[in-house]
């Protein structure tokens, strides 16, 4: 398997246990006996890869958590297979901030509106699709768009900052997304 050097998600070199595969003709499809819309990285502690905001936490009852960090209106990252979490809903998270602790590996999904395939994921009103997480580690280009200022309020409603009049919105988290990324 591949190794991602200096992976920001694990704060170390990360062994890739399972790669993204949605192509029936790929040898990985035969190996996995089906599709895989994520990338699994061997990990213990899990760290955030881009600036963003936690917009979804699920799995509390099963002690297998998932955390979705919205990067901008078009892109998000889902961190899955976590046995504990260190973030809260609507929290702004920085690059390198601890998200949680994995159950042996972390499952990474890169969610985007820039592609269309049968594997979708909805965040409030935004329809996203599961894209190849390997793109997040590609040094040849920046896949994360930005900056795009916006805020999410506690009811989960989104407003673009261009519509924002400059005052401080009550009970809202305000932040700017950055085009900075790490690996």
Protein backbone atom coordinates (compact mmCIF):
# COMPACT_ATOMS: atom_id res chain seq x y z
CA UNK A 1 0.00 0.00 0.00
CA UNK A 2 0.99 3.63 -0.44
CA UNK A 3 2.27 5.92 2.28
CA UNK A 4 1.40 9.62 2.46
CA UNK A 5 4.49 11.43 3.75
CA UNK A 6 3.98 14.08 6.46
CA UNK A 7 0.22 13.63 6.41
CA UNK A 8 -1.52 16.45 8.26
CA UNK A 9 -4.44 14.17 9.16
CA UNK A 10 -2.22 11.83 11.20
CA UNK A 11 0.64 14.25 12.03
CA UNK A 12 3.02 11.60 10.65
CA UNK A 13 3.55 9.42 7.61
CA UNK A 14 0.21 7.67 6.97
CA UNK A 15 -0.21 4.20 5.53
CA UNK A 16 -3.09 4.00 3.05
CA UNK A 17 -5.10 0.89 3.94
CA UNK A 18 -7.84 1.32 1.34
CA UNK A 19 -8.08 3.64 -1.68
CA UNK A 20 -11.03 5.34 -3.38
CA UNK A 21 -12.54 3.21 -6.15
CA UNK A 22 -15.79 3.78 -8.06
CA UNK A 23 -14.66 2.20 -11.34
CA UNK A 24 -15.84 -1.38 -11.96
CA UNK A 25 -12.92 -1.93 -14.35
CA UNK A 26 -10.31 -1.05 -11.69
CA UNK A 27 -8.33 -3.91 -10.10
CA UNK A 28 -9.23 -2.30 -6.75
CA UNK A 29 -12.91 -3.03 -7.45
CA UNK A 30 -12.10 -6.74 -7.61
CA UNK A 31 -9.83 -6.54 -4.57
CA UNK A 32 -12.44 -4.71 -2.45
CA UNK A 33 -15.32 -6.74 -3.91
CA UNK A 34 -17.14 -3.53 -4.68
CA UNK A 35 -16.91 0.24 -4.59
CA UNK A 36 -15.12 2.35 -1.97
CA UNK A 37 -15.97 6.07 -1.78
CA UNK A 38 -13.37 6.90 0.86
CA UNK A 39 -9.70 6.51 1.69
CA UNK A 40 -8.71 4.66 4.86
CA UNK A 41 -5.54 5.83 6.61
CA UNK A 42 -3.92 4.01 9.49
CA UNK A 43 -4.24 6.44 12.40
CA UNK A 44 -4.67 6.93 16.10
CA UNK A 45 -5.16 10.67 16.62
CA UNK A 46 -6.86 12.52 13.75
CA UNK A 47 -6.18 16.17 12.84
CA UNK A 48 -8.01 18.59 10.57
CA UNK A 49 -6.49 19.18 7.14
CA UNK A 50 -8.01 22.54 6.10
CA UNK A 51 -9.63 25.55 7.71
CA UNK A 52 -13.39 25.03 8.01
CA UNK A 53 -16.43 24.61 10.22
CA UNK A 54 -17.89 21.47 11.77
CA UNK A 55 -21.38 21.17 10.27
CA UNK A 56 -22.24 17.56 11.13
CA UNK A 57 -21.45 15.08 13.89
CA UNK A 58 -23.06 11.65 13.88
CA UNK A 59 -22.74 8.27 15.53
CA UNK A 60 -22.83 9.26 19.19
CA UNK A 61 -24.95 6.26 20.17
CA UNK A 62 -22.66 3.69 18.52
CA UNK A 63 -19.35 5.20 19.74
CA UNK A 64 -18.25 5.36 16.10
CA UNK A 65 -18.32 9.02 15.22
CA UNK A 66 -18.26 10.88 11.93
CA UNK A 67 -17.36 14.56 11.67
CA UNK A 68 -18.00 16.67 8.57
CA UNK A 69 -15.97 19.85 8.15
CA UNK A 70 -17.33 22.27 5.56
CA UNK A 71 -14.46 24.06 3.80
CA UNK A 72 -16.58 26.31 1.60
CA UNK A 73 -19.89 26.18 -0.24
CA UNK A 74 -18.53 23.55 -2.65
CA UNK A 75 -16.23 21.32 -0.62
CA UNK A 76 -16.13 19.36 2.65
CA UNK A 77 -14.19 16.55 4.32
CA UNK A 78 -15.80 13.73 6.30
CA UNK A 79 -13.66 12.09 8.98
CA UNK A 80 -15.18 8.69 9.84
CA UNK A 81 -14.48 5.67 12.06
CA UNK A 82 -13.67 7.81 15.11
CA UNK A 83 -14.02 6.36 18.61
CA UNK A 84 -13.96 9.81 20.23
CA UNK A 85 -14.17 13.42 19.05
CA UNK A 86 -12.55 16.66 20.19
CA UNK A 87 -14.76 19.11 18.27
CA UNK A 88 -18.30 20.43 18.63
CA UNK A 89 -21.02 21.28 16.14
CA UNK A 90 -20.54 24.68 14.41
CA UNK A 91 -17.00 24.96 15.77
CA UNK A 92 -14.41 26.66 13.54
CA UNK A 93 -11.46 24.30 13.10
CA UNK A 94 -7.95 25.21 12.06
CA UNK A 95 -5.35 23.28 10.11
CA UNK A 96 -3.74 20.77 12.46
CA UNK A 97 -6.45 20.99 15.12
CA UNK A 98 -7.33 17.63 16.68
CA UNK A 99 -10.65 16.23 15.43
CA UNK A 100 -10.65 13.00 17.44
CA UNK A 101 -9.22 9.52 17.93
CA UNK A 102 -9.64 6.78 15.32
CA UNK A 103 -10.55 3.11 15.69
CA UNK A 104 -7.23 1.87 14.15
CA UNK A 105 -7.86 3.85 10.94
CA UNK A 106 -9.64 7.02 9.85
CA UNK A 107 -12.01 6.98 6.89
CA UNK A 108 -11.64 10.15 4.77
CA UNK A 109 -14.24 11.28 2.25
CA UNK A 110 -13.72 14.31 0.04
CA UNK A 111 -17.12 15.84 -0.74
CA UNK A 112 -17.50 18.25 -3.67
CA UNK A 113 -20.09 19.92 -5.87
CA UNK A 114 -17.57 20.04 -8.74
CA UNK A 115 -18.21 16.47 -9.90
CA UNK A 116 -21.34 14.37 -10.33
CA UNK A 117 -21.52 10.63 -9.68
CA UNK A 118 -24.03 8.25 -8.07
CA UNK A 119 -22.43 8.69 -4.62
CA UNK A 120 -23.97 11.77 -3.06
CA UNK A 121 -23.96 13.38 0.38
CA UNK A 122 -26.20 16.23 1.49
CA UNK A 123 -25.19 18.99 3.90
CA UNK A 124 -28.33 21.01 4.62
CA UNK A 125 -29.29 22.31 1.18
CA UNK A 126 -25.93 21.56 -0.49
CA UNK A 127 -25.83 18.40 -2.64
CA UNK A 128 -22.25 17.12 -2.72
CA UNK A 129 -20.65 14.09 -4.34
CA UNK A 130 -17.93 11.77 -3.07
CA UNK A 131 -14.73 12.55 -4.94
CA UNK A 132 -11.29 10.94 -4.71
CA UNK A 133 -9.61 11.96 -1.39
CA UNK A 134 -6.19 11.43 -3.02
CA UNK A 135 -6.75 14.85 -4.64
CA UNK A 136 -6.38 16.41 -1.19
CA UNK A 137 -2.78 15.19 -1.04
CA UNK A 138 -1.77 16.22 -4.58
CA UNK A 139 1.01 18.82 -4.34
CA UNK A 140 0.75 19.71 -8.03
CA UNK A 141 -2.44 21.71 -7.55
CA UNK A 142 -4.67 23.21 -4.91
CA UNK A 143 -8.08 21.55 -5.01
CA UNK A 144 -9.62 23.63 -2.24
CA UNK A 145 -11.16 26.86 -3.44
CA UNK A 146 -11.09 29.92 -1.26
CA UNK A 147 -11.31 32.20 0.43
CA UNK A 148 -15.09 32.40 0.61
CA UNK A 149 -16.46 34.14 3.68
CA UNK A 150 -19.67 32.82 5.17
CA UNK A 151 -21.19 31.85 8.47
CA UNK A 152 -23.47 29.11 9.76
CA UNK A 153 -25.84 29.94 12.57
CA UNK A 154 -26.99 27.52 15.25
CA UNK A 155 -30.07 26.49 13.24
CA UNK A 156 -27.81 25.39 10.39
CA UNK A 157 -28.76 28.18 8.00
CA UNK A 158 -26.05 29.57 5.76
CA UNK A 159 -25.57 33.16 4.71
CA UNK A 160 -22.96 34.53 2.36
CA UNK A 161 -20.94 37.32 3.92
CA UNK A 162 -21.55 39.52 0.86
CA UNK A 163 -25.15 39.61 2.08
CA UNK A 164 -23.87 40.42 5.57
CA UNK A 165 -24.11 44.08 6.54
CA UNK A 166 -20.90 44.20 8.58
CA UNK A 167 -22.46 44.01 12.07
CA UNK A 168 -21.86 41.04 14.35
CA UNK A 169 -24.53 38.39 13.75
CA UNK A 170 -26.02 37.05 16.97
CA UNK A 171 -25.31 33.41 17.78
CA UNK A 172 -23.30 32.99 14.60
CA UNK A 173 -19.84 31.75 13.90
CA UNK A 174 -18.01 34.01 11.48
CA UNK A 175 -14.85 33.03 9.71
CA UNK A 176 -12.89 33.31 6.50
CA UNK A 177 -11.83 30.18 4.70
CA UNK A 178 -8.26 30.13 3.59
CA UNK A 179 -6.64 28.60 0.56
CA UNK A 180 -3.84 27.29 2.82
CA UNK A 181 -3.48 23.55 2.94
CA UNK A 182 -1.19 21.02 4.49
CA UNK A 183 -0.48 17.35 3.95
